[in-house]
Amino acid sequence: MYEIYLERGAEKNLKKLQAEEFQRIINKVKDLADNPRPFKNLLVCYSPDDRLKLALS
């Protein structure tokens, strides 16, 4: 199992979301902790410094 850390800015942005959207995203992030490569068609975008990642399905 992997550990996932959110940067402060990401946490602030998540808190601004509606409860339903927030829960959907948090569930997906938790799923990635258990299985970081759940689908072959999952698009993972990296920031230039390779610290920030965004997964889109």
PDB file of N, CA and C in Angstrom:
ATOM      1  N   MET A   1       0.854  -1.185   0.000  1.00  0.00           N
ATOM      2  CA  MET A   1       0.000   0.000   0.000  1.00  0.00           C
ATOM      3  C   MET A   1       0.891   1.237   0.000  1.00  0.00           C
ATOM      4  N   TYR A   2       0.528   2.201  -0.797  1.00  0.00           N
ATOM      5  CA  TYR A   2       1.277   3.448  -0.909  1.00  0.00           C
ATOM      6  C   TYR A   2       0.662   4.511  -0.011  1.00  0.00           C
ATOM      7  N   GLU A   3       1.459   5.490   0.325  1.00  0.00           N
ATOM      8  CA  GLU A   3       0.957   6.643   1.062  1.00  0.00           C
ATOM      9  C   GLU A   3       0.809   7.796   0.092  1.00  0.00           C
ATOM     10  N   ILE A   4      -0.262   8.540   0.236  1.00  0.00           N
ATOM     11  CA  ILE A   4      -0.518   9.683  -0.633  1.00  0.00           C
ATOM     12  C   ILE A   4      -0.542  10.938   0.226  1.00  0.00           C
ATOM     13  N   TYR A   5       0.224  11.917  -0.201  1.00  0.00           N
ATOM     14  CA  TYR A   5       0.276  13.196   0.491  1.00  0.00           C
ATOM     15  C   TYR A   5      -0.266  14.278  -0.421  1.00  0.00           C
ATOM     16  N   LEU A   6      -1.128  15.109   0.114  1.00  0.00           N
ATOM     17  CA  LEU A   6      -1.650  16.243  -0.631  1.00  0.00           C
ATOM     18  C   LEU A   6      -0.949  17.508  -0.169  1.00  0.00           C
ATOM     19  N   GLU A   7      -0.601  18.323  -1.129  1.00  0.00           N
ATOM     20  CA  GLU A   7      -0.019  19.604  -0.769  1.00  0.00           C
ATOM     21  C   GLU A   7      -1.114  20.500  -0.218  1.00  0.00           C
ATOM     22  N   ARG A   8      -0.713  21.499   0.539  1.00  0.00           N
ATOM     23  CA  ARG A   8      -1.661  22.391   1.188  1.00  0.00           C
ATOM     24  C   ARG A   8      -2.610  23.033   0.171  1.00  0.00           C
ATOM     25  N   GLY A   9      -2.092  23.444  -0.962  1.00  0.00           N
ATOM     26  CA  GLY A   9      -2.933  24.054  -1.990  1.00  0.00           C
ATOM     27  C   GLY A   9      -3.989  23.093  -2.520  1.00  0.00           C
ATOM     28  N   ALA A  10      -3.606  21.830  -2.677  1.00  0.00           N
ATOM     29  CA  ALA A  10      -4.560  20.815  -3.134  1.00  0.00           C
ATOM     30  C   ALA A  10      -5.650  20.600  -2.091  1.00  0.00           C
ATOM     31  N   GLU A  11      -5.267  20.572  -0.828  1.00  0.00           N
ATOM     32  CA  GLU A  11      -6.253  20.408   0.243  1.00  0.00           C
ATOM     33  C   GLU A  11      -7.240  21.570   0.253  1.00  0.00           C
ATOM     34  N   LYS A  12      -6.726  22.773   0.092  1.00  0.00           N
ATOM     35  CA  LYS A  12      -7.606  23.951   0.083  1.00  0.00           C
ATOM     36  C   LYS A  12      -8.585  23.880  -1.076  1.00  0.00           C
ATOM     37  N   ASN A  13      -8.092  23.477  -2.243  1.00  0.00           N
ATOM     38  CA  ASN A  13      -8.974  23.371  -3.399  1.00  0.00           C
ATOM     39  C   ASN A  13     -10.026  22.285  -3.214  1.00  0.00           C
ATOM     40  N   LEU A  14      -9.647  21.181  -2.609  1.00  0.00           N
ATOM     41  CA  LEU A  14     -10.613  20.111  -2.364  1.00  0.00           C
ATOM     42  C   LEU A  14     -11.699  20.555  -1.396  1.00  0.00           C
ATOM     43  N   LYS A  15     -11.324  21.334  -0.398  1.00  0.00           N
ATOM     44  CA  LYS A  15     -12.308  21.795   0.587  1.00  0.00           C
ATOM     45  C   LYS A  15     -13.344  22.733  -0.033  1.00  0.00           C
ATOM     46  N   LYS A  16     -13.010  23.351  -1.153  1.00  0.00           N
ATOM     47  CA  LYS A  16     -13.931  24.271  -1.822  1.00  0.00           C
ATOM     48  C   LYS A  16     -14.987  23.529  -2.649  1.00  0.00           C
ATOM     49  N   LEU A  17     -14.770  22.253  -2.888  1.00  0.00           N
ATOM     50  CA  LEU A  17     -15.701  21.483  -3.719  1.00  0.00           C
ATOM     51  C   LEU A  17     -16.977  21.133  -2.962  1.00  0.00           C
ATOM     52  N   GLN A  18     -18.003  20.841  -3.731  1.00  0.00           N
ATOM     53  CA  GLN A  18     -19.240  20.352  -3.127  1.00  0.00           C
ATOM     54  C   GLN A  18     -18.967  18.966  -2.544  1.00  0.00           C
ATOM     55  N   ALA A  19     -19.742  18.592  -1.568  1.00  0.00           N
ATOM     56  CA  ALA A  19     -19.513  17.347  -0.826  1.00  0.00           C
ATOM     57  C   ALA A  19     -19.463  16.128  -1.744  1.00  0.00           C
ATOM     58  N   GLU A  20     -20.338  16.070  -2.717  1.00  0.00           N
ATOM     59  CA  GLU A  20     -20.386  14.914  -3.614  1.00  0.00           C
ATOM     60  C   GLU A  20     -19.108  14.816  -4.454  1.00  0.00           C
ATOM     61  N   GLU A  21     -18.663  15.928  -5.004  1.00  0.00           N
ATOM     62  CA  GLU A  21     -17.429  15.942  -5.798  1.00  0.00           C
ATOM     63  C   GLU A  21     -16.227  15.618  -4.923  1.00  0.00           C
ATOM     64  N   PHE A  22     -16.187  16.210  -3.744  1.00  0.00           N
ATOM     65  CA  PHE A  22     -15.089  15.973  -2.807  1.00  0.00           C
ATOM     66  C   PHE A  22     -14.971  14.488  -2.497  1.00  0.00           C
ATOM     67  N   GLN A  23     -16.072  13.852  -2.169  1.00  0.00           N
ATOM     68  CA  GLN A  23     -16.060  12.441  -1.798  1.00  0.00           C
ATOM     69  C   GLN A  23     -15.649  11.569  -2.970  1.00  0.00           C
ATOM     70  N   ARG A  24     -16.098  11.895  -4.169  1.00  0.00           N
ATOM     71  CA  ARG A  24     -15.746  11.124  -5.356  1.00  0.00           C
ATOM     72  C   ARG A  24     -14.235  11.171  -5.600  1.00  0.00           C
ATOM     73  N   ILE A  25     -13.647  12.358  -5.475  1.00  0.00           N
ATOM     74  CA  ILE A  25     -12.210  12.507  -5.702  1.00  0.00           C
ATOM     75  C   ILE A  25     -11.409  11.815  -4.611  1.00  0.00           C
ATOM     76  N   ILE A  26     -11.824  11.989  -3.365  1.00  0.00           N
ATOM     77  CA  ILE A  26     -11.113  11.343  -2.258  1.00  0.00           C
ATOM     78  C   ILE A  26     -11.154   9.825  -2.390  1.00  0.00           C
ATOM     79  N   ASN A  27     -12.282   9.281  -2.793  1.00  0.00           N
ATOM     80  CA  ASN A  27     -12.376   7.831  -2.985  1.00  0.00           C
ATOM     81  C   ASN A  27     -11.427   7.351  -4.069  1.00  0.00           C
ATOM     82  N   LYS A  28     -11.318   8.108  -5.159  1.00  0.00           N
ATOM     83  CA  LYS A  28     -10.399   7.739  -6.240  1.00  0.00           C
ATOM     84  C   LYS A  28      -8.952   7.811  -5.766  1.00  0.00           C
ATOM     85  N   VAL A  29      -8.619   8.824  -4.996  1.00  0.00           N
ATOM     86  CA  VAL A  29      -7.255   8.963  -4.480  1.00  0.00           C
ATOM     87  C   VAL A  29      -6.932   7.804  -3.548  1.00  0.00           C
ATOM     88  N   LYS A  30      -7.862   7.435  -2.696  1.00  0.00           N
ATOM     89  CA  LYS A  30      -7.649   6.301  -1.796  1.00  0.00           C
ATOM     90  C   LYS A  30      -7.477   5.005  -2.581  1.00  0.00           C
ATOM     91  N   ASP A  31      -8.242   4.850  -3.656  1.00  0.00           N
ATOM     92  CA  ASP A  31      -8.098   3.668  -4.502  1.00  0.00           C
ATOM     93  C   ASP A  31      -6.707   3.604  -5.119  1.00  0.00           C
ATOM     94  N   LEU A  32      -6.170   4.765  -5.504  1.00  0.00           N
ATOM     95  CA  LEU A  32      -4.825   4.804  -6.081  1.00  0.00           C
ATOM     96  C   LEU A  32      -3.761   4.407  -5.064  1.00  0.00           C
ATOM     97  N   ALA A  33      -4.009   4.640  -3.787  1.00  0.00           N
ATOM     98  CA  ALA A  33      -3.059   4.224  -2.755  1.00  0.00           C
ATOM     99  C   ALA A  33      -2.949   2.701  -2.709  1.00  0.00           C
ATOM    100  N   ASP A  34      -4.056   2.026  -2.936  1.00  0.00           N
ATOM    101  CA  ASP A  34      -4.059   0.559  -2.935  1.00  0.00           C
ATOM    102  C   ASP A  34      -3.572  -0.022  -4.256  1.00  0.00           C
ATOM    103  N   ASN A  35      -3.916   0.641  -5.344  1.00  0.00           N
ATOM    104  CA  ASN A  35      -3.578   0.142  -6.675  1.00  0.00           C
ATOM    105  C   ASN A  35      -3.212   1.345  -7.548  1.00  0.00           C
ATOM    106  N   PRO A  36      -1.938   1.717  -7.608  1.00  0.00           N
ATOM    107  CA  PRO A  36      -1.548   2.930  -8.318  1.00  0.00           C
ATOM    108  C   PRO A  36      -1.720   2.856  -9.834  1.00  0.00           C
ATOM    109  N   ARG A  37      -1.920   1.687 -10.388  1.00  0.00           N
ATOM    110  CA  ARG A  37      -2.129   1.540 -11.830  1.00  0.00           C
ATOM    111  C   ARG A  37      -3.376   0.698 -12.084  1.00  0.00           C
ATOM    112  N   PRO A  38      -4.560   1.229 -11.763  1.00  0.00           N
ATOM    113  CA  PRO A  38      -5.781   0.426 -11.833  1.00  0.00           C
ATOM    114  C   PRO A  38      -6.224   0.080 -13.251  1.00  0.00           C
ATOM    115  N   PHE A  39      -5.943   0.934 -14.212  1.00  0.00           N
ATOM    116  CA  PHE A  39      -6.405   0.710 -15.583  1.00  0.00           C
ATOM    117  C   PHE A  39      -5.297   1.076 -16.551  1.00  0.00           C
ATOM    118  N   LYS A  40      -5.259   0.388 -17.652  1.00  0.00           N
ATOM    119  CA  LYS A  40      -4.267   0.735 -18.660  1.00  0.00           C
ATOM    120  C   LYS A  40      -4.595   2.065 -19.326  1.00  0.00           C
ATOM    121  N   ASN A  41      -5.867   2.438 -19.345  1.00  0.00           N
ATOM    122  CA  ASN A  41      -6.242   3.672 -20.025  1.00  0.00           C
ATOM    123  C   ASN A  41      -6.292   4.873 -19.083  1.00  0.00           C
ATOM    124  N   LEU A  42      -5.735   4.740 -17.898  1.00  0.00           N
ATOM    125  CA  LEU A  42      -5.692   5.845 -16.948  1.00  0.00           C
ATOM    126  C   LEU A  42      -4.594   6.808 -17.381  1.00  0.00           C
ATOM    127  N   LEU A  43      -4.945   8.053 -17.537  1.00  0.00           N
ATOM    128  CA  LEU A  43      -3.993   9.080 -17.936  1.00  0.00           C
ATOM    129  C   LEU A  43      -3.439   9.741 -16.684  1.00  0.00           C
ATOM    130  N   VAL A  44      -2.130   9.702 -16.544  1.00  0.00           N
ATOM    131  CA  VAL A  44      -1.482  10.344 -15.408  1.00  0.00           C
ATOM    132  C   VAL A  44      -0.642  11.486 -15.944  1.00  0.00           C
ATOM    133  N   CYS A  45      -0.912  12.685 -15.469  1.00  0.00           N
ATOM    134  CA  CYS A  45      -0.191  13.873 -15.904  1.00  0.00           C
ATOM    135  C   CYS A  45       0.786  14.263 -14.807  1.00  0.00           C
ATOM    136  N   TYR A  46       2.006  14.535 -15.192  1.00  0.00           N
ATOM    137  CA  TYR A  46       3.046  14.913 -14.245  1.00  0.00           C
ATOM    138  C   TYR A  46       3.381  16.389 -14.412  1.00  0.00           C
ATOM    139  N   SER A  47       3.729  17.016 -13.341  1.00  0.00           N
ATOM    140  CA  SER A  47       4.203  18.393 -13.409  1.00  0.00           C
ATOM    141  C   SER A  47       5.662  18.378 -13.859  1.00  0.00           C
ATOM    142  N   PRO A  48       6.176  19.509 -14.286  1.00  0.00           N
ATOM    143  CA  PRO A  48       7.572  19.536 -14.734  1.00  0.00           C
ATOM    144  C   PRO A  48       8.568  19.049 -13.675  1.00  0.00           C
ATOM    145  N   ASP A  49       8.279  19.258 -12.409  1.00  0.00           N
ATOM    146  CA  ASP A  49       9.225  18.814 -11.381  1.00  0.00           C
ATOM    147  C   ASP A  49       8.945  17.388 -10.907  1.00  0.00           C
ATOM    148  N   ASP A  50       7.976  16.709 -11.519  1.00  0.00           N
ATOM    149  CA  ASP A  50       7.635  15.310 -11.211  1.00  0.00           C
ATOM    150  C   ASP A  50       7.171  15.079  -9.783  1.00  0.00           C
ATOM    151  N   ARG A  51       6.744  16.113  -9.088  1.00  0.00           N
ATOM    152  CA  ARG A  51       6.221  15.926  -7.730  1.00  0.00           C
ATOM    153  C   ARG A  51       4.698  15.897  -7.738  1.00  0.00           C
ATOM    154  N   LEU A  52       4.089  16.633  -8.625  1.00  0.00           N
ATOM    155  CA  LEU A  52       2.635  16.721  -8.667  1.00  0.00           C
ATOM    156  C   LEU A  52       2.118  15.823  -9.773  1.00  0.00           C
ATOM    157  N   LYS A  53       1.103  15.043  -9.467  1.00  0.00           N
ATOM    158  CA  LYS A  53       0.522  14.143 -10.441  1.00  0.00           C
ATOM    159  C   LYS A  53      -0.992  14.292 -10.422  1.00  0.00           C
ATOM    160  N   LEU A  54      -1.600  14.183 -11.575  1.00  0.00           N
ATOM    161  CA  LEU A  54      -3.045  14.241 -11.708  1.00  0.00           C
ATOM    162  C   LEU A  54      -3.481  13.049 -12.519  1.00  0.00           C
ATOM    163  N   ALA A  55      -4.357  12.244 -11.977  1.00  0.00           N
ATOM    164  CA  ALA A  55      -4.840  11.057 -12.684  1.00  0.00           C
ATOM    165  C   ALA A  55      -6.241  11.312 -13.201  1.00  0.00           C
ATOM    166  N   LEU A  56      -6.440  11.050 -14.461  1.00  0.00           N
ATOM    167  CA  LEU A  56      -7.742  11.253 -15.088  1.00  0.00           C
ATOM    168  C   LEU A  56      -8.188   9.947 -15.716  1.00  0.00           C
ATOM    169  N   SER A  57      -9.459   9.630 -15.549  1.00  0.00           N
ATOM    170  CA  SER A  57      -9.966   8.424 -16.187  1.00  0.00           C
ATOM    171  C   SER A  57     -11.057   8.777 -17.148  1.00  0.00           C
TER     172      SER A  57
END
